[in-house]
């Protein structure tokens, strides 16, 4: 289940990153107000001007222009064309998901006991789980003795 969940998350991440890899580029002008962590950028696509606030990922304070990537179908959405601008945030979120699922699936915890099975369905609920609680050895002997007593009681009632 761990591999399936992280495989789906990785596929979604790959599709998201692929969208930006195959997007178009343009040059944007950094406009006022100047801030330490955010840049305001003005850029033109097909003779239409867009303004957007972006994080200052790898953009120095001395630059007046920055290379941007924008989506072909929606040019109003743009990112700074750098590793930090395009890929760092989605990869960080995926690493948080990877860490959380690793902790849940690979450590002894009270959420998923050892032997828990996950069942994938075609209808809602799509994923269900069945927990396996192994009984202590004395419990099975106790249950057997209890069952024998009930059998004897039933025989006595029939007589």
Protein backbone atom coordinates (compact mmCIF):
# COMPACT_ATOMS: atom_id res chain seq x y z
CA UNK A 1 0.00 0.00 0.00
CA UNK A 2 2.94 2.30 0.76
CA UNK A 3 4.27 1.88 -2.77
CA UNK A 4 0.83 2.40 -4.32
CA UNK A 5 0.13 5.63 -2.40
CA UNK A 6 3.58 7.08 -3.03
CA UNK A 7 3.47 5.92 -6.65
CA UNK A 8 0.20 7.79 -7.18
CA UNK A 9 1.64 10.86 -5.44
CA UNK A 10 4.78 10.60 -7.58
CA UNK A 11 2.72 10.31 -10.76
CA UNK A 12 0.69 13.39 -9.85
CA UNK A 13 3.93 15.22 -9.04
CA UNK A 14 5.46 14.17 -12.36
CA UNK A 15 2.38 15.38 -14.25
CA UNK A 16 2.49 18.71 -12.38
CA UNK A 17 6.19 19.18 -13.09
CA UNK A 18 5.72 18.12 -16.72
CA UNK A 19 3.19 20.88 -17.13
CA UNK A 20 5.87 23.41 -16.19
CA UNK A 21 8.65 21.75 -18.21
CA UNK A 22 6.65 22.09 -21.42
CA UNK A 23 5.39 25.60 -20.69
CA UNK A 24 6.54 28.75 -22.50
CA UNK A 25 9.01 31.31 -21.19
CA UNK A 26 9.04 35.08 -21.11
CA UNK A 27 10.96 37.84 -19.38
CA UNK A 28 9.27 39.78 -16.60
CA UNK A 29 10.15 43.14 -15.11
CA UNK A 30 10.34 43.43 -11.34
CA UNK A 31 8.13 46.33 -10.26
CA UNK A 32 7.46 48.17 -6.99
CA UNK A 33 6.87 47.57 -4.10
CA UNK A 34 10.17 45.81 -3.40
CA UNK A 35 10.07 43.27 -0.58
CA UNK A 36 12.58 40.89 0.91
CA UNK A 37 10.79 37.58 0.15
CA UNK A 38 8.27 38.53 -2.55
CA UNK A 39 8.76 40.08 -5.98
CA UNK A 40 6.05 41.78 -8.00
CA UNK A 41 6.51 40.99 -11.66
CA UNK A 42 4.97 42.48 -14.78
CA UNK A 43 5.17 40.40 -17.96
CA UNK A 44 3.53 40.34 -21.38
CA UNK A 45 2.13 37.39 -23.29
CA UNK A 46 0.49 37.88 -26.70
CA UNK A 47 0.43 41.66 -26.19
CA UNK A 48 -1.46 41.31 -22.90
CA UNK A 49 0.24 42.44 -19.68
CA UNK A 50 -0.04 40.45 -16.44
CA UNK A 51 1.05 41.40 -12.92
CA UNK A 52 1.80 38.76 -10.33
CA UNK A 53 3.42 38.43 -6.91
CA UNK A 54 5.93 35.58 -6.70
CA UNK A 55 8.35 34.28 -4.10
CA UNK A 56 11.89 35.60 -4.51
CA UNK A 57 13.35 32.17 -5.33
CA UNK A 58 16.99 32.58 -6.46
CA UNK A 59 16.37 36.16 -7.61
CA UNK A 60 18.96 38.61 -6.31
CA UNK A 61 18.04 42.07 -5.06
CA UNK A 62 20.02 43.71 -7.89
CA UNK A 63 18.11 42.16 -10.79
CA UNK A 64 15.51 44.21 -12.65
CA UNK A 65 14.29 41.42 -14.91
CA UNK A 66 13.63 37.76 -14.33
CA UNK A 67 12.94 34.78 -16.62
CA UNK A 68 9.46 33.33 -16.08
CA UNK A 69 7.59 30.24 -17.18
CA UNK A 70 3.87 30.55 -17.78
CA UNK A 71 1.20 28.01 -18.66
CA UNK A 72 0.16 27.99 -22.32
CA UNK A 73 -3.53 27.62 -21.57
CA UNK A 74 -3.52 30.18 -18.72
CA UNK A 75 -0.76 32.80 -19.05
CA UNK A 76 -1.87 34.54 -15.86
CA UNK A 77 -0.17 31.73 -13.90
CA UNK A 78 3.60 32.08 -13.93
CA UNK A 79 6.60 30.92 -11.90
CA UNK A 80 10.24 32.00 -11.71
CA UNK A 81 12.22 29.77 -14.10
CA UNK A 82 14.57 28.14 -11.57
CA UNK A 83 14.72 24.96 -9.55
CA UNK A 84 13.50 26.77 -6.44
CA UNK A 85 10.71 28.51 -8.34
CA UNK A 86 9.34 25.48 -10.17
CA UNK A 87 10.26 22.26 -8.41
CA UNK A 88 11.23 22.86 -4.78
CA UNK A 89 7.78 23.36 -3.25
CA UNK A 90 6.06 20.33 -4.88
CA UNK A 91 9.06 18.14 -4.04
CA UNK A 92 8.99 19.35 -0.43
CA UNK A 93 5.28 18.51 -0.10
CA UNK A 94 5.91 15.07 -1.59
CA UNK A 95 8.75 14.47 0.89
CA UNK A 96 6.42 15.38 3.77
CA UNK A 97 3.87 12.88 2.41
CA UNK A 98 6.63 10.26 1.98
CA UNK A 99 7.82 10.79 5.55
CA UNK A 100 4.29 10.60 6.99
CA UNK A 101 3.40 7.41 5.11
CA UNK A 102 6.76 5.87 6.03
CA UNK A 103 6.11 6.51 9.70
CA UNK A 104 2.57 5.12 9.47
CA UNK A 105 3.46 1.99 7.51
CA UNK A 106 6.94 1.03 8.71
CA UNK A 107 6.85 1.61 12.46
CA UNK A 108 4.95 -0.19 15.16
CA UNK A 109 2.19 2.22 16.01
CA UNK A 110 -1.34 2.23 17.29
CA UNK A 111 -2.82 3.44 13.99
CA UNK A 112 -1.99 0.43 11.82
CA UNK A 113 -1.25 -2.72 13.80
CA UNK A 114 0.99 -5.37 12.33
CA UNK A 115 -0.94 -7.53 9.89
CA UNK A 116 -3.40 -4.83 8.80
CA UNK A 117 -4.62 -5.45 5.26
CA UNK A 118 -5.84 -2.76 2.90
CA UNK A 119 -8.53 -3.55 0.36
CA UNK A 120 -9.00 -1.41 -2.76
CA UNK A 121 -12.57 -1.24 -4.13
CA UNK A 122 -14.07 0.09 -7.35
CA UNK A 123 -16.83 1.92 -5.43
CA UNK A 124 -16.86 4.16 -2.38
CA UNK A 125 -15.14 3.62 0.02
CA UNK A 126 -12.26 3.08 -2.37
CA UNK A 127 -9.85 1.95 0.32
CA UNK A 128 -10.81 0.03 3.43
CA UNK A 129 -8.71 -1.72 6.00
CA UNK A 130 -9.09 -4.83 8.09
CA UNK A 131 -7.02 -5.06 11.22
CA UNK A 132 -5.60 -8.29 12.49
CA UNK A 133 -5.36 -8.55 16.26
CA UNK A 134 -3.55 -11.75 17.23
CA UNK A 135 -4.96 -13.10 20.47
CA UNK A 136 -2.64 -14.19 23.27
CA UNK A 137 -2.13 -17.96 23.66
CA UNK A 138 -4.09 -18.19 26.91
CA UNK A 139 -7.06 -16.48 25.21
CA UNK A 140 -7.51 -19.27 22.66
CA UNK A 141 -7.40 -21.90 25.45
CA UNK A 142 -9.94 -19.86 27.42
CA UNK A 143 -12.25 -19.61 24.39
CA UNK A 144 -11.97 -23.37 23.76
CA UNK A 145 -12.87 -24.13 27.38
CA UNK A 146 -15.78 -21.70 27.22
CA UNK A 147 -16.99 -23.33 24.00
CA UNK A 148 -16.79 -26.81 25.61
CA UNK A 149 -18.85 -25.58 28.56
CA UNK A 150 -21.55 -24.23 26.26
CA UNK A 151 -21.64 -27.53 24.38
CA UNK A 152 -22.13 -29.44 27.59
CA UNK A 153 -24.86 -27.03 28.69
CA UNK A 154 -26.67 -27.53 25.39
CA UNK A 155 -26.43 -31.31 25.77
CA UNK A 156 -27.81 -31.10 29.29
CA UNK A 157 -30.70 -28.95 28.08
CA UNK A 158 -31.58 -31.46 25.40
CA UNK A 159 -31.77 -34.34 27.89
